[in-house]
Structures are given as C-alpha cells and as structure tokens.
PDB file of all heavy atoms in Angstrom:
ATOM      1  N   MET A   1       4.111  20.757 -18.937  1.00  0.00           N
ATOM      2  CA  MET A   1       2.961  19.882 -18.761  1.00  0.00           C
ATOM      3  C   MET A   1       3.197  18.965 -17.572  1.00  0.00           C
ATOM      4  O   MET A   1       4.282  18.436 -17.389  1.00  0.00           O
ATOM      5  CB  MET A   1       2.755  19.072 -20.039  1.00  0.00           C
ATOM      6  CG  MET A   1       1.482  18.296 -20.045  1.00  0.00           C
ATOM      7  SD  MET A   1       1.181  17.675 -21.710  1.00  0.00           S
ATOM      8  CE  MET A   1       0.360  16.185 -21.306  1.00  0.00           C
ATOM      9  N   GLU A   2       2.186  18.790 -16.776  1.00  0.00           N
ATOM     10  CA  GLU A   2       2.296  17.945 -15.592  1.00  0.00           C
ATOM     11  C   GLU A   2       2.275  16.471 -16.006  1.00  0.00           C
ATOM     12  O   GLU A   2       1.437  16.061 -16.806  1.00  0.00           O
ATOM     13  CB  GLU A   2       1.149  18.255 -14.640  1.00  0.00           C
ATOM     14  CG  GLU A   2       1.215  19.678 -14.123  1.00  0.00           C
ATOM     15  CD  GLU A   2      -0.087  20.141 -13.523  1.00  0.00           C
ATOM     16  OE1 GLU A   2      -1.151  19.697 -13.965  1.00  0.00           O
ATOM     17  OE2 GLU A   2      -0.025  20.979 -12.617  1.00  0.00           O
ATOM     18  N   PRO A   3       3.196  15.671 -15.455  1.00  0.00           N
ATOM     19  CA  PRO A   3       3.270  14.259 -15.837  1.00  0.00           C
ATOM     20  C   PRO A   3       2.147  13.431 -15.224  1.00  0.00           C
ATOM     21  O   PRO A   3       1.783  13.622 -14.065  1.00  0.00           O
ATOM     22  CB  PRO A   3       4.635  13.822 -15.313  1.00  0.00           C
ATOM     23  CG  PRO A   3       4.934  14.777 -14.207  1.00  0.00           C
ATOM     24  CD  PRO A   3       4.263  16.062 -14.569  1.00  0.00           C
ATOM     25  N   LYS A   4       1.608  12.539 -16.042  1.00  0.00           N
ATOM     26  CA  LYS A   4       0.525  11.671 -15.605  1.00  0.00           C
ATOM     27  C   LYS A   4       1.072  10.257 -15.479  1.00  0.00           C
ATOM     28  O   LYS A   4       1.786   9.779 -16.360  1.00  0.00           O
ATOM     29  CB  LYS A   4      -0.610  11.713 -16.620  1.00  0.00           C
ATOM     30  CG  LYS A   4      -1.861  10.970 -16.177  1.00  0.00           C
ATOM     31  CD  LYS A   4      -2.960  11.073 -17.189  1.00  0.00           C
ATOM     32  CE  LYS A   4      -3.680  12.378 -17.031  1.00  0.00           C
ATOM     33  NZ  LYS A   4      -4.943  12.409 -17.785  1.00  0.00           N
ATOM     34  N   LEU A   5       0.717   9.587 -14.376  1.00  0.00           N
ATOM     35  CA  LEU A   5       1.153   8.224 -14.120  1.00  0.00           C
ATOM     36  C   LEU A   5      -0.021   7.265 -14.250  1.00  0.00           C
ATOM     37  O   LEU A   5      -1.137   7.578 -13.832  1.00  0.00           O
ATOM     38  CB  LEU A   5       1.726   8.104 -12.700  1.00  0.00           C
ATOM     39  CG  LEU A   5       2.933   8.975 -12.391  1.00  0.00           C
ATOM     40  CD1 LEU A   5       3.261   8.898 -10.910  1.00  0.00           C
ATOM     41  CD2 LEU A   5       4.115   8.544 -13.223  1.00  0.00           C
ATOM     42  N   TYR A   6       0.256   6.101 -14.818  1.00  0.00           N
ATOM     43  CA  TYR A   6      -0.707   5.014 -14.850  1.00  0.00           C
ATOM     44  C   TYR A   6      -0.479   4.192 -13.590  1.00  0.00           C
ATOM     45  O   TYR A   6       0.659   3.862 -13.253  1.00  0.00           O
ATOM     46  CB  TYR A   6      -0.483   4.150 -16.095  1.00  0.00           C
ATOM     47  CG  TYR A   6      -1.208   2.828 -16.025  1.00  0.00           C
ATOM     48  CD1 TYR A   6      -2.547   2.732 -16.371  1.00  0.00           C
ATOM     49  CD2 TYR A   6      -0.549   1.680 -15.600  1.00  0.00           C
ATOM     50  CE1 TYR A   6      -3.207   1.527 -16.301  1.00  0.00           C
ATOM     51  CE2 TYR A   6      -1.206   0.471 -15.529  1.00  0.00           C
ATOM     52  CZ  TYR A   6      -2.533   0.392 -15.872  1.00  0.00           C
ATOM     53  OH  TYR A   6      -3.194  -0.797 -15.790  1.00  0.00           O
ATOM     54  N   VAL A   7      -1.545   3.867 -12.887  1.00  0.00           N
ATOM     55  CA  VAL A   7      -1.461   3.031 -11.687  1.00  0.00           C
ATOM     56  C   VAL A   7      -2.399   1.852 -11.889  1.00  0.00           C
ATOM     57  O   VAL A   7      -3.614   2.008 -11.964  1.00  0.00           O
ATOM     58  CB  VAL A   7      -1.874   3.817 -10.420  1.00  0.00           C
ATOM     59  CG1 VAL A   7      -1.653   2.968  -9.180  1.00  0.00           C
ATOM     60  CG2 VAL A   7      -1.119   5.128 -10.323  1.00  0.00           C
ATOM     61  N   GLY A   8      -1.814   0.665 -12.025  1.00  0.00           N
ATOM     62  CA  GLY A   8      -2.604  -0.529 -12.284  1.00  0.00           C
ATOM     63  C   GLY A   8      -2.571  -1.516 -11.140  1.00  0.00           C
ATOM     64  O   GLY A   8      -1.811  -1.371 -10.187  1.00  0.00           O
ATOM     65  N   ASN A   9      -3.411  -2.542 -11.264  1.00  0.00           N
ATOM     66  CA  ASN A   9      -3.539  -3.625 -10.298  1.00  0.00           C
ATOM     67  C   ASN A   9      -4.081  -3.115  -8.960  1.00  0.00           C
ATOM     68  O   ASN A   9      -3.713  -3.614  -7.893  1.00  0.00           O
ATOM     69  CB  ASN A   9      -2.214  -4.372 -10.101  1.00  0.00           C
ATOM     70  CG  ASN A   9      -2.437  -5.740  -9.516  1.00  0.00           C
ATOM     71  OD1 ASN A   9      -3.423  -6.402  -9.798  1.00  0.00           O
ATOM     72  ND2 ASN A   9      -1.516  -6.173  -8.670  1.00  0.00           N
ATOM     73  N   LEU A  10      -4.980  -2.142  -9.027  1.00  0.00           N
ATOM     74  CA  LEU A  10      -5.572  -1.602  -7.805  1.00  0.00           C
ATOM     75  C   LEU A  10      -6.618  -2.545  -7.240  1.00  0.00           C
ATOM     76  O   LEU A  10      -7.358  -3.202  -7.981  1.00  0.00           O
ATOM     77  CB  LEU A  10      -6.255  -0.260  -8.090  1.00  0.00           C
ATOM     78  CG  LEU A  10      -5.363   0.918  -8.427  1.00  0.00           C
ATOM     79  CD1 LEU A  10      -6.219   2.119  -8.803  1.00  0.00           C
ATOM     80  CD2 LEU A  10      -4.453   1.253  -7.264  1.00  0.00           C
ATOM     81  N   SER A  11      -6.693  -2.571  -5.933  1.00  0.00           N
ATOM     82  CA  SER A  11      -7.765  -3.284  -5.253  1.00  0.00           C
ATOM     83  C   SER A  11      -9.066  -2.537  -5.515  1.00  0.00           C
ATOM     84  O   SER A  11      -9.070  -1.303  -5.635  1.00  0.00           O
ATOM     85  CB  SER A  11      -7.480  -3.318  -3.753  1.00  0.00           C
ATOM     86  OG  SER A  11      -8.632  -3.701  -3.040  1.00  0.00           O
ATOM     87  N   TYR A  12     -10.166  -3.254  -5.552  1.00  0.00           N
ATOM     88  CA  TYR A  12     -11.453  -2.583  -5.726  1.00  0.00           C
ATOM     89  C   TYR A  12     -11.839  -1.810  -4.470  1.00  0.00           C
ATOM     90  O   TYR A  12     -12.770  -1.017  -4.485  1.00  0.00           O
ATOM     91  CB  TYR A  12     -12.536  -3.589  -6.107  1.00  0.00           C
ATOM     92  CG  TYR A  12     -12.286  -4.187  -7.469  1.00  0.00           C
ATOM     93  CD1 TYR A  12     -12.107  -5.557  -7.637  1.00  0.00           C
ATOM     94  CD2 TYR A  12     -12.206  -3.386  -8.603  1.00  0.00           C
ATOM     95  CE1 TYR A  12     -11.860  -6.095  -8.889  1.00  0.00           C
ATOM     96  CE2 TYR A  12     -11.963  -3.912  -9.849  1.00  0.00           C
ATOM     97  CZ  TYR A  12     -11.792  -5.271  -9.986  1.00  0.00           C
ATOM     98  OH  TYR A  12     -11.555  -5.797 -11.233  1.00  0.00           O
ATOM     99  N   ASP A  13     -11.099  -2.015  -3.369  1.00  0.00           N
ATOM    100  CA  ASP A  13     -11.328  -1.279  -2.131  1.00  0.00           C
ATOM    101  C   ASP A  13     -10.543   0.037  -2.073  1.00  0.00           C
ATOM    102  O   ASP A  13     -10.771   0.847  -1.188  1.00  0.00           O
ATOM    103  CB  ASP A  13     -10.935  -2.136  -0.924  1.00  0.00           C
ATOM    104  CG  ASP A  13     -11.808  -3.374  -0.795  1.00  0.00           C
ATOM    105  OD1 ASP A  13     -12.990  -3.310  -1.188  1.00  0.00           O
ATOM    106  OD2 ASP A  13     -11.307  -4.405  -0.313  1.00  0.00           O
ATOM    107  N   THR A  14      -9.617   0.233  -2.998  1.00  0.00           N
ATOM    108  CA  THR A  14      -8.806   1.457  -3.000  1.00  0.00           C
ATOM    109  C   THR A  14      -9.674   2.654  -3.368  1.00  0.00           C
ATOM    110  O   THR A  14     -10.490   2.590  -4.290  1.00  0.00           O
ATOM    111  CB  THR A  14      -7.638   1.328  -4.000  1.00  0.00           C
ATOM    112  OG1 THR A  14      -6.831   0.220  -3.615  1.00  0.00           O
ATOM    113  CG2 THR A  14      -6.778   2.578  -4.015  1.00  0.00           C
ATOM    114  N   THR A  15      -9.484   3.744  -2.633  1.00  0.00           N
ATOM    115  CA  THR A  15     -10.247   4.968  -2.891  1.00  0.00           C
ATOM    116  C   THR A  15      -9.322   6.047  -3.449  1.00  0.00           C
ATOM    117  O   THR A  15      -8.099   5.931  -3.367  1.00  0.00           O
ATOM    118  CB  THR A  15     -10.873   5.502  -1.589  1.00  0.00           C
ATOM    119  OG1 THR A  15      -9.816   5.875  -0.693  1.00  0.00           O
ATOM    120  CG2 THR A  15     -11.783   4.477  -0.938  1.00  0.00           C
ATOM    121  N   GLU A  16      -9.919   7.100  -3.981  1.00  0.00           N
ATOM    122  CA  GLU A  16      -9.126   8.235  -4.458  1.00  0.00           C
ATOM    123  C   GLU A  16      -8.317   8.822  -3.313  1.00  0.00           C
ATOM    124  O   GLU A  16      -7.158   9.197  -3.492  1.00  0.00           O
ATOM    125  CB  GLU A  16     -10.028   9.308  -5.077  1.00  0.00           C
ATOM    126  CG  GLU A  16     -10.558   8.921  -6.437  1.00  0.00           C
ATOM    127  CD  GLU A  16     -11.322  10.042  -7.123  1.00  0.00           C
ATOM    128  OE1 GLU A  16     -11.130  11.227  -6.771  1.00  0.00           O
ATOM    129  OE2 GLU A  16     -12.110   9.730  -8.027  1.00  0.00           O
ATOM    130  N   ALA A  17      -8.903   8.875  -2.129  1.00  0.00           N
ATOM    131  CA  ALA A  17      -8.207   9.451  -0.970  1.00  0.00           C
ATOM    132  C   ALA A  17      -6.989   8.617  -0.582  1.00  0.00           C
ATOM    133  O   ALA A  17      -5.919   9.172  -0.303  1.00  0.00           O
ATOM    134  CB  ALA A  17      -9.172   9.568   0.209  1.00  0.00           C
ATOM    135  N   SER A  18      -7.124   7.287  -0.577  1.00  0.00           N
ATOM    136  CA  SER A  18      -5.981   6.453  -0.192  1.00  0.00           C
ATOM    137  C   SER A  18      -4.887   6.505  -1.259  1.00  0.00           C
ATOM    138  O   SER A  18      -3.695   6.480  -0.940  1.00  0.00           O
ATOM    139  CB  SER A  18      -6.408   5.011   0.087  1.00  0.00           C
ATOM    140  OG  SER A  18      -6.914   4.380  -1.068  1.00  0.00           O
ATOM    141  N   LEU A  19      -5.278   6.612  -2.518  1.00  0.00           N
ATOM    142  CA  LEU A  19      -4.308   6.723  -3.603  1.00  0.00           C
ATOM    143  C   LEU A  19      -3.578   8.066  -3.513  1.00  0.00           C
ATOM    144  O   LEU A  19      -2.357   8.129  -3.648  1.00  0.00           O
ATOM    145  CB  LEU A  19      -5.034   6.596  -4.943  1.00  0.00           C
ATOM    146  CG  LEU A  19      -4.253   6.067  -6.124  1.00  0.00           C
ATOM    147  CD1 LEU A  19      -3.541   4.765  -5.820  1.00  0.00           C
ATOM    148  CD2 LEU A  19      -5.170   5.891  -7.316  1.00  0.00           C
ATOM    149  N   ARG A  20      -4.317   9.131  -3.251  1.00  0.00           N
ATOM    150  CA  ARG A  20      -3.720  10.463  -3.099  1.00  0.00           C
ATOM    151  C   ARG A  20      -2.737  10.464  -1.920  1.00  0.00           C
ATOM    152  O   ARG A  20      -1.641  11.009  -2.025  1.00  0.00           O
ATOM    153  CB  ARG A  20      -4.802  11.513  -2.889  1.00  0.00           C
ATOM    154  CG  ARG A  20      -4.271  12.932  -2.788  1.00  0.00           C
ATOM    155  CD  ARG A  20      -5.407  13.938  -2.638  1.00  0.00           C
ATOM    156  NE  ARG A  20      -6.235  14.037  -3.819  1.00  0.00           N
ATOM    157  CZ  ARG A  20      -5.973  14.820  -4.863  1.00  0.00           C
ATOM    158  NH1 ARG A  20      -4.885  15.557  -4.875  1.00  0.00           N
ATOM    159  NH2 ARG A  20      -6.803  14.865  -5.885  1.00  0.00           N
ATOM    160  N   ALA A  21      -3.107   9.835  -0.825  1.00  0.00           N
ATOM    161  CA  ALA A  21      -2.233   9.785   0.353  1.00  0.00           C
ATOM    162  C   ALA A  21      -0.943   9.034   0.033  1.00  0.00           C
ATOM    163  O   ALA A  21       0.151   9.468   0.420  1.00  0.00           O
ATOM    164  CB  ALA A  21      -2.963   9.124   1.520  1.00  0.00           C
ATOM    165  N   ALA A  22      -1.046   7.920  -0.676  1.00  0.00           N
ATOM    166  CA  ALA A  22       0.143   7.140  -1.025  1.00  0.00           C
ATOM    167  C   ALA A  22       1.074   7.936  -1.935  1.00  0.00           C
ATOM    168  O   ALA A  22       2.284   7.988  -1.707  1.00  0.00           O
ATOM    169  CB  ALA A  22      -0.268   5.831  -1.699  1.00  0.00           C
ATOM    170  N   PHE A  23       0.528   8.589  -2.954  1.00  0.00           N
ATOM    171  CA  PHE A  23       1.353   9.320  -3.915  1.00  0.00           C
ATOM    172  C   PHE A  23       1.868  10.645  -3.361  1.00  0.00           C
ATOM    173  O   PHE A  23       2.876  11.157  -3.842  1.00  0.00           O
ATOM    174  CB  PHE A  23       0.603   9.509  -5.236  1.00  0.00           C
ATOM    175  CG  PHE A  23       0.681   8.300  -6.110  1.00  0.00           C
ATOM    176  CD1 PHE A  23      -0.133   7.210  -5.886  1.00  0.00           C
ATOM    177  CD2 PHE A  23       1.608   8.220  -7.134  1.00  0.00           C
ATOM    178  CE1 PHE A  23      -0.045   6.064  -6.662  1.00  0.00           C
ATOM    179  CE2 PHE A  23       1.713   7.090  -7.918  1.00  0.00           C
ATOM    180  CZ  PHE A  23       0.890   6.011  -7.684  1.00  0.00           C
ATOM    181  N   SER A  24       1.219  11.175  -2.348  1.00  0.00           N
ATOM    182  CA  SER A  24       1.693  12.432  -1.769  1.00  0.00           C
ATOM    183  C   SER A  24       3.028  12.247  -1.049  1.00  0.00           C
ATOM    184  O   SER A  24       3.716  13.230  -0.773  1.00  0.00           O
ATOM    185  CB  SER A  24       0.644  13.031  -0.833  1.00  0.00           C
ATOM    186  OG  SER A  24       0.463  12.210   0.293  1.00  0.00           O
ATOM    187  N   GLN A  25       3.419  11.002  -0.776  1.00  0.00           N
ATOM    188  CA  GLN A  25       4.746  10.731  -0.213  1.00  0.00           C
ATOM    189  C   GLN A  25       5.845  11.174  -1.181  1.00  0.00           C
ATOM    190  O   GLN A  25       6.956  11.480  -0.765  1.00  0.00           O
ATOM    191  CB  GLN A  25       4.925   9.245   0.061  1.00  0.00           C
ATOM    192  CG  GLN A  25       3.974   8.656   1.068  1.00  0.00           C
ATOM    193  CD  GLN A  25       4.126   7.154   1.130  1.00  0.00           C
ATOM    194  OE1 GLN A  25       5.223   6.645   1.310  1.00  0.00           O
ATOM    195  NE2 GLN A  25       3.021   6.449   0.968  1.00  0.00           N
ATOM    196  N   ALA A  26       5.524  11.187  -2.481  1.00  0.00           N
ATOM    197  CA  ALA A  26       6.502  11.530  -3.515  1.00  0.00           C
ATOM    198  C   ALA A  26       6.461  13.002  -3.897  1.00  0.00           C
ATOM    199  O   ALA A  26       7.361  13.484  -4.582  1.00  0.00           O
ATOM    200  CB  ALA A  26       6.267  10.675  -4.753  1.00  0.00           C
ATOM    201  N   GLY A  27       5.422  13.714  -3.502  1.00  0.00           N
ATOM    202  CA  GLY A  27       5.311  15.129  -3.861  1.00  0.00           C
ATOM    203  C   GLY A  27       3.864  15.566  -3.953  1.00  0.00           C
ATOM    204  O   GLY A  27       2.973  14.937  -3.391  1.00  0.00           O
ATOM    205  N   THR A  28       3.648  16.620  -4.715  1.00  0.00           N
ATOM    206  CA  THR A  28       2.320  17.210  -4.846  1.00  0.00           C
ATOM    207  C   THR A  28       1.494  16.456  -5.879  1.00  0.00           C
ATOM    208  O   THR A  28       1.883  16.338  -7.033  1.00  0.00           O
ATOM    209  CB  THR A  28       2.430  18.690  -5.261  1.00  0.00           C
ATOM    210  OG1 THR A  28       3.230  19.360  -4.294  1.00  0.00           O
ATOM    211  CG2 THR A  28       1.065  19.344  -5.345  1.00  0.00           C
ATOM    212  N   VAL A  29       0.347  15.967  -5.442  1.00  0.00           N
ATOM    213  CA  VAL A  29      -0.583  15.277  -6.334  1.00  0.00           C
ATOM    214  C   VAL A  29      -1.560  16.320  -6.869  1.00  0.00           C
ATOM    215  O   VAL A  29      -2.275  16.963  -6.106  1.00  0.00           O
ATOM    216  CB  VAL A  29      -1.337  14.156  -5.592  1.00  0.00           C
ATOM    217  CG1 VAL A  29      -2.368  13.511  -6.500  1.00  0.00           C
ATOM    218  CG2 VAL A  29      -0.359  13.126  -5.049  1.00  0.00           C
ATOM    219  N   VAL A  30      -1.570  16.486  -8.179  1.00  0.00           N
ATOM    220  CA  VAL A  30      -2.450  17.463  -8.819  1.00  0.00           C
ATOM    221  C   VAL A  30      -3.847  16.892  -9.002  1.00  0.00           C
ATOM    222  O   VAL A  30      -4.847  17.562  -8.755  1.00  0.00           O
ATOM    223  CB  VAL A  30      -1.862  17.913 -10.180  1.00  0.00           C
ATOM    224  CG1 VAL A  30      -2.815  18.840 -10.911  1.00  0.00           C
ATOM    225  CG2 VAL A  30      -0.510  18.570  -9.978  1.00  0.00           C
ATOM    226  N   ALA A  31      -3.928  15.620  -9.435  1.00  0.00           N
ATOM    227  CA  ALA A  31      -5.230  14.997  -9.673  1.00  0.00           C
ATOM    228  C   ALA A  31      -5.129  13.485  -9.564  1.00  0.00           C
ATOM    229  O   ALA A  31      -4.076  12.904  -9.832  1.00  0.00           O
ATOM    230  CB  ALA A  31      -5.739  15.365 -11.061  1.00  0.00           C
ATOM    231  N   VAL A  32      -6.239  12.871  -9.154  1.00  0.00           N
ATOM    232  CA  VAL A  32      -6.371  11.413  -9.132  1.00  0.00           C
ATOM    233  C   VAL A  32      -7.637  11.081  -9.900  1.00  0.00           C
ATOM    234  O   VAL A  32      -8.718  11.572  -9.564  1.00  0.00           O
ATOM    235  CB  VAL A  32      -6.481  10.864  -7.686  1.00  0.00           C
ATOM    236  CG1 VAL A  32      -6.731   9.380  -7.698  1.00  0.00           C
ATOM    237  CG2 VAL A  32      -5.234  11.206  -6.887  1.00  0.00           C
ATOM    238  N   ASP A  33      -7.495  10.280 -10.942  1.00  0.00           N
ATOM    239  CA  ASP A  33      -8.654   9.877 -11.756  1.00  0.00           C
ATOM    240  C   ASP A  33      -8.808   8.365 -11.681  1.00  0.00           C
ATOM    241  O   ASP A  33      -8.087   7.629 -12.353  1.00  0.00           O
ATOM    242  CB  ASP A  33      -8.458  10.298 -13.218  1.00  0.00           C
ATOM    243  CG  ASP A  33      -8.350  11.800 -13.370  1.00  0.00           C
ATOM    244  OD1 ASP A  33      -9.199  12.503 -12.788  1.00  0.00           O
ATOM    245  OD2 ASP A  33      -7.430  12.263 -14.059  1.00  0.00           O
ATOM    246  N   MET A  34      -9.744   7.908 -10.840  1.00  0.00           N
ATOM    247  CA  MET A  34     -10.049   6.483 -10.742  1.00  0.00           C
ATOM    248  C   MET A  34     -10.962   6.138 -11.918  1.00  0.00           C
ATOM    249  O   MET A  34     -11.973   6.798 -12.125  1.00  0.00           O
ATOM    250  CB  MET A  34     -10.775   6.168  -9.435  1.00  0.00           C
ATOM    251  CG  MET A  34      -9.996   6.478  -8.180  1.00  0.00           C
ATOM    252  SD  MET A  34      -8.810   5.222  -7.724  1.00  0.00           S
ATOM    253  CE  MET A  34      -9.850   3.868  -7.313  1.00  0.00           C
ATOM    254  N   ILE A  35     -10.595   5.132 -12.667  1.00  0.00           N
ATOM    255  CA  ILE A  35     -11.383   4.757 -13.836  1.00  0.00           C
ATOM    256  C   ILE A  35     -12.475   3.773 -13.401  1.00  0.00           C
ATOM    257  O   ILE A  35     -12.200   2.777 -12.751  1.00  0.00           O
ATOM    258  CB  ILE A  35     -10.482   4.136 -14.923  1.00  0.00           C
ATOM    259  CG1 ILE A  35      -9.316   5.078 -15.245  1.00  0.00           C
ATOM    260  CG2 ILE A  35     -11.307   3.788 -16.162  1.00  0.00           C
ATOM    261  CD1 ILE A  35      -9.722   6.483 -15.656  1.00  0.00           C
ATOM    262  N   LYS A  36     -13.716   4.113 -13.791  1.00  0.00           N
ATOM    263  CA  LYS A  36     -14.867   3.303 -13.391  1.00  0.00           C
ATOM    264  C   LYS A  36     -15.660   2.879 -14.614  1.00  0.00           C
ATOM    265  O   LYS A  36     -15.636   3.541 -15.652  1.00  0.00           O
ATOM    266  CB  LYS A  36     -15.757   4.100 -12.446  1.00  0.00           C
ATOM    267  CG  LYS A  36     -15.036   4.454 -11.159  1.00  0.00           C
ATOM    268  CD  LYS A  36     -15.898   5.241 -10.232  1.00  0.00           C
ATOM    269  CE  LYS A  36     -15.102   5.553  -8.970  1.00  0.00           C
ATOM    270  NZ  LYS A  36     -15.800   6.409  -8.062  1.00  0.00           N
ATOM    271  N   ASP A  37     -16.361   1.781 -14.482  1.00  0.00           N
ATOM    272  CA  ASP A  37     -17.226   1.273 -15.537  1.00  0.00           C
ATOM    273  C   ASP A  37     -18.352   2.276 -15.773  1.00  0.00           C
ATOM    274  O   ASP A  37     -18.972   2.757 -14.815  1.00  0.00           O
ATOM    275  CB  ASP A  37     -17.796  -0.088 -15.122  1.00  0.00           C
ATOM    276  CG  ASP A  37     -18.612  -0.707 -16.222  1.00  0.00           C
ATOM    277  OD1 ASP A  37     -19.838  -0.416 -16.277  1.00  0.00           O
ATOM    278  OD2 ASP A  37     -18.052  -1.469 -17.025  1.00  0.00           O
TER     279      ASP A  37
END
C-alpha cells in the first residue's frame, strides 16, 4: 500500500502543483489531495 502523508499549516495560496513540486524532491508523488470546504 502506498503511504499517505498529512500536510498541515498550508497557505491558502498553495496549489496542488506547488505541493507536488515540493514533494517530488523526495520521490514519486502518486497523488495530491487538497482538502476544500
């Protein structure tokens, strides 16, 4: 099973693309799920 990480304290300006770019430094990002109201 692929491990899922919780990412908190995000700026409201952060996008899925910028989050994917940051985490891709560590390896392959399978999915990014931004939680919205």
